[in-house]
C-alpha atoms as a PDB file:
ATOM      1  CA  MET A   1      67.395 168.674 -31.056  1.00  0.00           C
ATOM      2  CA  ALA A   2      66.907 164.952 -31.735  1.00  0.00           C
ATOM      3  CA  ILE A   3      69.609 162.631 -30.534  1.00  0.00           C
ATOM      4  CA  ILE A   4      70.244 159.289 -32.237  1.00  0.00           C
ATOM      5  CA  CYS A   5      72.423 157.044 -30.115  1.00  0.00           C
ATOM      6  CA  SER A   6      74.876 154.330 -31.097  1.00  0.00           C
ATOM      7  CA  ASP A   7      72.427 151.562 -30.173  1.00  0.00           C
ATOM      8  CA  ASP A   8      69.959 153.012 -32.678  1.00  0.00           C
ATOM      9  CA  PHE A   9      72.590 152.878 -35.411  1.00  0.00           C
ATOM     10  CA  ILE A  10      73.239 149.253 -34.494  1.00  0.00           C
ATOM     11  CA  ALA A  11      69.530 148.534 -34.973  1.00  0.00           C
ATOM     12  CA  PHE A  12      69.687 150.141 -38.424  1.00  0.00           C
ATOM     13  CA  ALA A  13      72.765 148.097 -39.298  1.00  0.00           C
ATOM     14  CA  ILE A  14      71.131 144.808 -38.272  1.00  0.00           C
ATOM     15  CA  ALA A  15      67.937 145.641 -40.162  1.00  0.00           C
ATOM     16  CA  SER A  16      69.915 146.561 -43.280  1.00  0.00           C
ATOM     17  CA  ILE A  17      71.456 143.085 -43.379  1.00  0.00           C
ATOM     18  CA  VAL A  18      67.989 141.543 -43.617  1.00  0.00           C
ATOM     19  CA  TYR A  19      66.436 143.843 -46.174  1.00  0.00           C
ATOM     20  CA  ASN A  20      69.551 143.787 -48.321  1.00  0.00           C
ATOM     21  CA  LEU A  21      69.189 140.014 -48.779  1.00  0.00           C
ATOM     22  CA  PRO A  22      66.802 140.450 -51.761  1.00  0.00           C
ATOM     23  CA  THR A  23      69.127 143.028 -53.277  1.00  0.00           C
ATOM     24  CA  SER A  24      72.018 140.568 -53.063  1.00  0.00           C
ATOM     25  CA  ILE A  25      70.008 137.800 -54.728  1.00  0.00           C
ATOM     26  CA  LEU A  26      68.791 140.149 -57.443  1.00  0.00           C
ATOM     27  CA  GLY A  27      72.338 141.423 -57.932  1.00  0.00           C
ATOM     28  CA  LEU A  28      73.377 137.881 -58.798  1.00  0.00           C
ATOM     29  CA  MET A  29      70.444 137.577 -61.197  1.00  0.00           C
ATOM     30  CA  PHE A  30      70.801 140.955 -62.912  1.00  0.00           C
ATOM     31  CA  PRO A  31      73.397 139.975 -65.548  1.00  0.00           C
ATOM     32  CA  VAL A  32      71.100 137.116 -66.565  1.00  0.00           C
ATOM     33  CA  LEU A  33      68.039 139.389 -66.715  1.00  0.00           C
ATOM     34  CA  SER A  34      69.837 141.999 -68.788  1.00  0.00           C
ATOM     35  CA  GLY A  35      70.832 139.419 -71.374  1.00  0.00           C
ATOM     36  CA  MET A  36      67.389 137.820 -71.689  1.00  0.00           C
ATOM     37  CA  GLU A  37      65.164 138.563 -74.676  1.00  0.00           C
ATOM     38  CA  ASP A  38      62.185 136.612 -73.349  1.00  0.00           C
ATOM     39  CA  GLY A  39      61.106 135.333 -69.969  1.00  0.00           C
ATOM     40  CA  ARG A  40      62.267 138.309 -67.882  1.00  0.00           C
ATOM     41  CA  LYS A  41      58.914 138.668 -66.119  1.00  0.00           C
ATOM     42  CA  ARG A  42      58.823 135.010 -65.184  1.00  0.00           C
ATOM     43  CA  ALA A  43      62.449 135.064 -64.009  1.00  0.00           C
ATOM     44  CA  ILE A  44      61.854 138.153 -61.862  1.00  0.00           C
ATOM     45  CA  SER A  45      58.669 136.677 -60.409  1.00  0.00           C
ATOM     46  CA  ARG A  46      60.562 133.549 -59.350  1.00  0.00           C
ATOM     47  CA  THR A  47      63.373 135.641 -57.912  1.00  0.00           C
ATOM     48  CA  ILE A  48      60.953 137.785 -55.900  1.00  0.00           C
ATOM     49  CA  GLN A  49      59.303 134.613 -54.636  1.00  0.00           C
ATOM     50  CA  LEU A  50      62.623 133.112 -53.581  1.00  0.00           C
ATOM     51  CA  SER A  51      63.743 136.390 -51.974  1.00  0.00           C
ATOM     52  CA  LEU A  52      60.526 136.552 -49.962  1.00  0.00           C
ATOM     53  CA  ALA A  53      60.924 132.943 -48.866  1.00  0.00           C
ATOM     54  CA  ILE A  54      64.414 133.719 -47.558  1.00  0.00           C
ATOM     55  CA  THR A  55      63.674 137.140 -46.082  1.00  0.00           C
ATOM     56  CA  ALA A  56      60.217 136.742 -44.490  1.00  0.00           C
ATOM     57  CA  PRO A  57      61.061 134.053 -41.875  1.00  0.00           C
ATOM     58  CA  ILE A  58      64.259 135.842 -40.838  1.00  0.00           C
ATOM     59  CA  ALA A  59      62.521 139.222 -40.640  1.00  0.00           C
ATOM     60  CA  LEU A  60      59.603 137.874 -38.634  1.00  0.00           C
ATOM     61  CA  ALA A  61      61.959 136.029 -36.296  1.00  0.00           C
ATOM     62  CA  LEU A  62      63.559 139.379 -35.510  1.00  0.00           C
ATOM     63  CA  THR A  63      60.184 140.991 -34.857  1.00  0.00           C
ATOM     64  CA  ILE A  64      59.513 138.608 -31.957  1.00  0.00           C
ATOM     65  CA  TYR A  65      63.118 138.308 -30.776  1.00  0.00           C
ATOM     66  CA  PRO A  66      64.576 141.778 -31.555  1.00  0.00           C
ATOM     67  CA  SER A  67      66.631 141.863 -28.376  1.00  0.00           C
ATOM     68  CA  LEU A  68      68.590 138.741 -29.339  1.00  0.00           C
ATOM     69  CA  PRO A  69      71.053 140.217 -31.887  1.00  0.00           C
ATOM     70  CA  LEU A  70      71.282 143.440 -29.886  1.00  0.00           C
ATOM     71  CA  SER A  71      72.079 141.644 -26.629  1.00  0.00           C
ATOM     72  CA  LEU A  72      74.988 139.849 -28.306  1.00  0.00           C
ATOM     73  CA  LEU A  73      76.656 143.246 -28.600  1.00  0.00           C
ATOM     74  CA  GLY A  74      75.859 144.204 -25.007  1.00  0.00           C
ATOM     75  CA  GLN A  75      72.853 144.764 -22.784  1.00  0.00           C
ATOM     76  CA  ASN A  76      73.040 148.512 -23.373  1.00  0.00           C
ATOM     77  CA  TYR A  77      71.907 147.972 -26.956  1.00  0.00           C
ATOM     78  CA  VAL A  78      68.714 146.079 -26.036  1.00  0.00           C
ATOM     79  CA  GLN A  79      66.832 149.360 -25.595  1.00  0.00           C
ATOM     80  CA  ALA A  80      66.840 149.709 -29.394  1.00  0.00           C
ATOM     81  CA  SER A  81      64.631 146.612 -29.771  1.00  0.00           C
ATOM     82  CA  ASN A  82      61.532 148.635 -30.672  1.00  0.00           C
ATOM     83  CA  ILE A  83      63.440 150.497 -33.364  1.00  0.00           C
ATOM     84  CA  LEU A  84      64.705 147.242 -34.840  1.00  0.00           C
ATOM     85  CA  THR A  85      61.157 145.846 -34.885  1.00  0.00           C
ATOM     86  CA  ILE A  86      59.873 148.891 -36.790  1.00  0.00           C
ATOM     87  CA  LEU A  87      62.730 148.787 -39.272  1.00  0.00           C
ATOM     88  CA  ILE A  88      62.481 145.073 -39.920  1.00  0.00           C
ATOM     89  CA  LEU A  89      58.909 145.450 -41.182  1.00  0.00           C
ATOM     90  CA  GLU A  90      60.442 147.124 -44.225  1.00  0.00           C
ATOM     91  CA  ALA A  91      62.033 143.813 -45.162  1.00  0.00           C
ATOM     92  CA  VAL A  92      58.675 142.269 -46.021  1.00  0.00           C
ATOM     93  CA  ALA A  93      58.090 144.680 -48.930  1.00  0.00           C
ATOM     94  CA  SER A  94      61.733 144.982 -49.955  1.00  0.00           C
ATOM     95  CA  PRO A  95      61.889 141.875 -52.219  1.00  0.00           C
ATOM     96  CA  ILE A  96      58.888 143.072 -54.258  1.00  0.00           C
ATOM     97  CA  ILE A  97      60.263 146.575 -54.733  1.00  0.00           C
ATOM     98  CA  SER A  98      63.832 145.444 -55.423  1.00  0.00           C
ATOM     99  CA  GLY A  99      62.662 142.763 -57.832  1.00  0.00           C
ATOM    100  CA  TYR A 100      60.413 145.051 -59.837  1.00  0.00           C
ATOM    101  CA  THR A 101      63.035 147.823 -59.910  1.00  0.00           C
ATOM    102  CA  SER A 102      65.584 145.348 -61.294  1.00  0.00           C
ATOM    103  CA  TYR A 103      63.102 144.302 -63.982  1.00  0.00           C
ATOM    104  CA  VAL A 104      62.395 147.912 -65.003  1.00  0.00           C
ATOM    105  CA  TYR A 105      66.114 148.672 -65.061  1.00  0.00           C
ATOM    106  CA  ALA A 106      66.827 145.565 -67.134  1.00  0.00           C
ATOM    107  CA  ILE A 107      64.322 146.626 -69.820  1.00  0.00           C
ATOM    108  CA  GLY A 108      65.853 150.109 -69.896  1.00  0.00           C
ATOM    109  CA  ASN A 109      62.890 152.068 -68.503  1.00  0.00           C
ATOM    110  CA  TYR A 110      64.970 154.436 -66.403  1.00  0.00           C
ATOM    111  CA  ILE A 111      62.184 156.987 -65.894  1.00  0.00           C
ATOM    112  CA  HIS A 112      60.189 154.467 -63.859  1.00  0.00           C
ATOM    113  CA  VAL A 113      63.304 153.580 -61.860  1.00  0.00           C
ATOM    114  CA  THR A 114      63.787 157.269 -61.076  1.00  0.00           C
ATOM    115  CA  MET A 115      60.155 157.756 -60.077  1.00  0.00           C
ATOM    116  CA  ILE A 116      60.266 154.805 -57.683  1.00  0.00           C
ATOM    117  CA  GLY A 117      63.477 156.123 -56.152  1.00  0.00           C
ATOM    118  CA  LEU A 118      61.986 159.602 -55.751  1.00  0.00           C
ATOM    119  CA  ALA A 119      58.817 158.233 -54.160  1.00  0.00           C
ATOM    120  CA  THR A 120      60.987 156.407 -51.620  1.00  0.00           C
ATOM    121  CA  ASN A 121      63.480 159.118 -50.755  1.00  0.00           C
ATOM    122  CA  VAL A 122      61.309 162.243 -50.955  1.00  0.00           C
ATOM    123  CA  SER A 123      58.673 160.697 -48.696  1.00  0.00           C
ATOM    124  CA  ARG A 124      61.369 159.651 -46.221  1.00  0.00           C
ATOM    125  CA  ILE A 125      62.896 163.136 -46.123  1.00  0.00           C
ATOM    126  CA  MET A 126      59.503 164.744 -45.557  1.00  0.00           C
ATOM    127  CA  LEU A 127      58.686 162.299 -42.785  1.00  0.00           C
ATOM    128  CA  TYR A 128      62.126 162.794 -41.207  1.00  0.00           C
ATOM    129  CA  VAL A 129      61.373 166.514 -40.859  1.00  0.00           C
ATOM    130  CA  ILE A 130      57.995 165.812 -39.274  1.00  0.00           C
ATOM    131  CA  LEU A 131      58.886 162.900 -36.983  1.00  0.00           C
ATOM    132  CA  ILE A 132      62.476 163.313 -35.809  1.00  0.00           C
ATOM    133  CA  SER A 133      61.843 166.398 -33.671  1.00  0.00           C
ATOM    134  CA  THR A 134      59.214 164.588 -31.587  1.00  0.00           C
ATOM    135  CA  LEU A 135      60.091 160.897 -31.798  1.00  0.00           C
ATOM    136  CA  GLU A 136      63.864 161.095 -32.379  1.00  0.00           C
ATOM    137  CA  ALA A 137      65.327 157.718 -33.443  1.00  0.00           C
ATOM    138  CA  THR A 138      61.907 156.060 -33.415  1.00  0.00           C
ATOM    139  CA  GLY A 139      60.758 158.740 -35.849  1.00  0.00           C
ATOM    140  CA  VAL A 140      63.660 157.926 -38.147  1.00  0.00           C
ATOM    141  CA  ALA A 141      62.704 154.251 -38.114  1.00  0.00           C
ATOM    142  CA  ILE A 142      59.036 155.002 -38.805  1.00  0.00           C
ATOM    143  CA  ALA A 143      59.925 157.394 -41.636  1.00  0.00           C
ATOM    144  CA  TYR A 144      62.280 154.871 -43.190  1.00  0.00           C
ATOM    145  CA  THR A 145      59.679 152.103 -43.119  1.00  0.00           C
ATOM    146  CA  LEU A 146      56.874 154.330 -44.403  1.00  0.00           C
ATOM    147  CA  GLY A 147      59.159 155.401 -47.253  1.00  0.00           C
ATOM    148  CA  THR A 148      59.285 151.790 -48.367  1.00  0.00           C
ATOM    149  CA  ILE A 149      55.496 151.609 -48.292  1.00  0.00           C
ATOM    150  CA  MET A 150      55.380 154.722 -50.499  1.00  0.00           C
ATOM    151  CA  ALA A 151      57.777 152.986 -52.897  1.00  0.00           C
ATOM    152  CA  LEU A 152      55.406 150.022 -53.044  1.00  0.00           C
ATOM    153  CA  VAL A 153      52.547 152.417 -53.821  1.00  0.00           C
ATOM    154  CA  ALA A 154      54.630 153.932 -56.639  1.00  0.00           C
ATOM    155  CA  VAL A 155      55.419 150.483 -58.043  1.00  0.00           C
ATOM    156  CA  LEU A 156      51.744 149.581 -58.605  1.00  0.00           C
ATOM    157  CA  PRO A 157      50.865 152.169 -61.322  1.00  0.00           C
ATOM    158  CA  SER A 158      54.272 151.644 -62.903  1.00  0.00           C
ATOM    159  CA  ALA A 159      53.678 147.896 -63.169  1.00  0.00           C
ATOM    160  CA  LYS A 160      50.202 148.452 -64.587  1.00  0.00           C
ATOM    161  CA  GLY A 161      51.569 150.798 -67.238  1.00  0.00           C
ATOM    162  CA  LEU A 162      54.240 148.289 -68.292  1.00  0.00           C
ATOM    163  CA  GLY A 163      51.916 145.281 -68.212  1.00  0.00           C
ATOM    164  CA  TYR A 164      53.766 143.597 -65.356  1.00  0.00           C
ATOM    165  CA  ARG A 165      51.600 141.429 -63.090  1.00  0.00           C
ATOM    166  CA  PHE A 166      52.608 140.576 -59.539  1.00  0.00           C
ATOM    167  CA  ASP A 167      51.734 137.134 -58.218  1.00  0.00           C
ATOM    168  CA  TRP A 168      50.089 138.480 -55.057  1.00  0.00           C
ATOM    169  CA  VAL A 169      48.547 135.123 -54.164  1.00  0.00           C
ATOM    170  CA  GLN A 170      51.933 133.405 -54.024  1.00  0.00           C
ATOM    171  CA  TYR A 171      53.499 136.341 -52.192  1.00  0.00           C
ATOM    172  CA  ALA A 172      50.693 136.211 -49.630  1.00  0.00           C
ATOM    173  CA  LYS A 173      51.245 132.477 -49.098  1.00  0.00           C
ATOM    174  CA  THR A 174      54.953 133.038 -48.617  1.00  0.00           C
ATOM    175  CA  MET A 175      54.404 135.690 -45.955  1.00  0.00           C
ATOM    176  CA  THR A 176      51.403 134.059 -44.267  1.00  0.00           C
ATOM    177  CA  ILE A 177      53.220 130.860 -43.286  1.00  0.00           C
ATOM    178  CA  PRO A 178      55.914 132.495 -41.099  1.00  0.00           C
ATOM    179  CA  ALA A 179      53.407 135.135 -39.940  1.00  0.00           C
ATOM    180  CA  ILE A 180      51.123 132.466 -38.460  1.00  0.00           C
ATOM    181  CA  LEU A 181      54.089 130.807 -36.789  1.00  0.00           C
ATOM    182  CA  THR A 182      55.222 134.181 -35.448  1.00  0.00           C
ATOM    183  CA  ILE A 183      51.818 134.837 -33.868  1.00  0.00           C
ATOM    184  CA  PHE A 184      51.830 131.337 -32.350  1.00  0.00           C
ATOM    185  CA  LEU A 185      55.337 131.664 -30.899  1.00  0.00           C
ATOM    186  CA  SER A 186      54.718 135.182 -29.629  1.00  0.00           C
ATOM    187  CA  THR A 187      51.404 134.274 -27.988  1.00  0.00           C
ATOM    188  CA  LEU A 188      52.942 131.330 -26.144  1.00  0.00           C
ATOM    189  CA  ASN A 189      56.076 133.349 -25.332  1.00  0.00           C
ATOM    190  CA  ILE A 190      58.349 130.575 -26.624  1.00  0.00           C
ATOM    191  CA  HIS A 191      62.055 131.038 -25.889  1.00  0.00           C
ATOM    192  CA  TRP A 192      64.159 131.980 -28.908  1.00  0.00           C
ATOM    193  CA  LEU A 193      66.268 128.800 -28.650  1.00  0.00           C
ATOM    194  CA  ILE A 194      63.133 126.855 -29.557  1.00  0.00           C
ATOM    195  CA  GLY A 195      61.179 129.513 -31.423  1.00  0.00           C
ATOM    196  CA  ILE A 196      63.705 130.493 -34.086  1.00  0.00           C
ATOM    197  CA  PRO A 197      64.445 126.884 -35.213  1.00  0.00           C
ATOM    198  CA  ILE A 198      60.689 126.174 -35.326  1.00  0.00           C
ATOM    199  CA  LEU A 199      60.042 129.289 -37.404  1.00  0.00           C
ATOM    200  CA  LEU A 200      62.850 128.654 -39.891  1.00  0.00           C
ATOM    201  CA  VAL A 201      62.465 124.874 -40.205  1.00  0.00           C
ATOM    202  CA  VAL A 202      58.672 124.750 -40.422  1.00  0.00           C
ATOM    203  CA  SER A 203      58.624 127.635 -42.912  1.00  0.00           C
ATOM    204  CA  SER A 204      61.206 125.877 -45.084  1.00  0.00           C
ATOM    205  CA  LEU A 205      59.282 122.599 -45.021  1.00  0.00           C
ATOM    206  CA  ALA A 206      56.024 124.364 -45.851  1.00  0.00           C
ATOM    207  CA  TYR A 207      57.634 126.251 -48.749  1.00  0.00           C
ATOM    208  CA  ALA A 208      58.983 122.995 -50.171  1.00  0.00           C
ATOM    209  CA  ARG A 209      55.837 120.901 -49.716  1.00  0.00           C
ATOM    210  CA  MET A 210      53.597 123.668 -51.127  1.00  0.00           C
ATOM    211  CA  SER A 211      55.974 124.182 -54.091  1.00  0.00           C
ATOM    212  CA  ILE A 212      56.509 127.804 -53.123  1.00  0.00           C
ATOM    213  CA  VAL A 213      60.243 127.139 -53.458  1.00  0.00           C
ATOM    214  CA  SER A 214      61.020 124.421 -55.974  1.00  0.00           C
ATOM    215  CA  LYS A 215      64.185 122.393 -56.400  1.00  0.00           C
ATOM    216  CA  ALA A 216      64.748 124.334 -59.617  1.00  0.00           C
ATOM    217  CA  ASP A 217      64.814 127.541 -57.564  1.00  0.00           C
ATOM    218  CA  LEU A 218      67.422 126.053 -55.244  1.00  0.00           C
ATOM    219  CA  LEU A 219      69.481 124.948 -58.211  1.00  0.00           C
ATOM    220  CA  GLU A 220      69.279 128.381 -59.807  1.00  0.00           C
ATOM    221  CA  ILE A 221      70.424 130.253 -56.734  1.00  0.00           C
ATOM    222  CA  SER A 222      73.158 127.674 -56.050  1.00  0.00           C
ATOM    223  CA  GLN A 223      74.569 128.180 -59.535  1.00  0.00           C
ATOM    224  CA  ALA A 224      75.100 131.833 -58.700  1.00  0.00           C
ATOM    225  CA  PHE A 225      77.379 130.903 -55.794  1.00  0.00           C
ATOM    226  CA  MET A 226      79.355 127.908 -57.012  1.00  0.00           C
ATOM    227  CA  SER A 227      80.534 126.069 -60.095  1.00  0.00           C
ATOM    228  CA  LYS A 228      78.718 123.027 -61.515  1.00  0.00           C
ATOM    229  CA  GLU A 229      81.608 120.782 -60.466  1.00  0.00           C
ATOM    230  CA  ARG A 230      81.408 121.946 -56.865  1.00  0.00           C
ATOM    231  CA  MET A 231      77.612 121.667 -56.916  1.00  0.00           C
ATOM    232  CA  SER A 232      77.889 118.038 -58.019  1.00  0.00           C
ATOM    233  CA  ARG A 233      80.165 117.280 -55.078  1.00  0.00           C
ATOM    234  CA  MET A 234      77.919 119.124 -52.642  1.00  0.00           C
ATOM    235  CA  TYR A 235      74.777 117.408 -53.942  1.00  0.00           C
ATOM    236  CA  VAL A 236      76.049 114.020 -52.756  1.00  0.00           C
ATOM    237  CA  TYR A 237      75.915 115.294 -49.180  1.00  0.00           C
ATOM    238  CA  ALA A 238      72.842 117.511 -49.576  1.00  0.00           C
ATOM    239  CA  ARG A 239      70.683 114.919 -51.362  1.00  0.00           C
ATOM    240  CA  PRO A 240      69.303 113.207 -48.199  1.00  0.00           C
ATOM    241  CA  LEU A 241      68.341 116.602 -46.756  1.00  0.00           C
ATOM    242  CA  ILE A 242      66.671 117.692 -49.993  1.00  0.00           C
ATOM    243  CA  LYS A 243      64.727 114.422 -50.160  1.00  0.00           C
ATOM    244  CA  LEU A 244      63.596 114.925 -46.564  1.00  0.00           C
ATOM    245  CA  ILE A 245      62.489 118.520 -47.163  1.00  0.00           C
ATOM    246  CA  TYR A 246      60.580 117.737 -50.352  1.00  0.00           C
ATOM    247  CA  GLY A 247      59.122 114.484 -49.012  1.00  0.00           C
ATOM    248  CA  GLU A 248      60.555 112.154 -51.639  1.00  0.00           C
END
């Protein structure tokens, strides 16, 4: 019988924080999407782009430093590093799936929402049965991640049928920037105290300078968290940083 230990559950909990980031952003956007008559596709595309820009650097940082968050809870949890690495790969596809599912739900096409959900969960259950008995907790992590890939596969024909086009070029740019940095940091075995700031800062600068994340995107997401009055007060302090990031 497979045994899943507490450290494995901790790995799942940490991974869930990362791949729930897109869901949180989309949750803030959903009331707006539901009330829109036009421009839903464009709004969702921008939201997916922003979600990827937030999620990808964090997820990739955890793939090269998986022991860091686990070690903060105790050295006994570090043995779940491989499981966390497998799980965190799911976060790369999560913004695309969550974004498209929110769009389909907003337009009232509940059959497609159901089909995507079934593709995710049925494939996971089948893989659980196959993998848990031999790989235990690692099998659970692999099955969970592969279930997300199956959801992405299910999204493609759905999007084609509804005339929704994904901006794969932009998504690739968003993921390539932190991926290259991850390979560089991993190859040189850079310590996390240096590596994580490099990964997050350089990715942010690249996103800004390449217009992957615009100032309008920052404004839009900020409006979901605070009032216009508070934003005006915050902008006075944030303006020098924004000018530095965008090279103005």
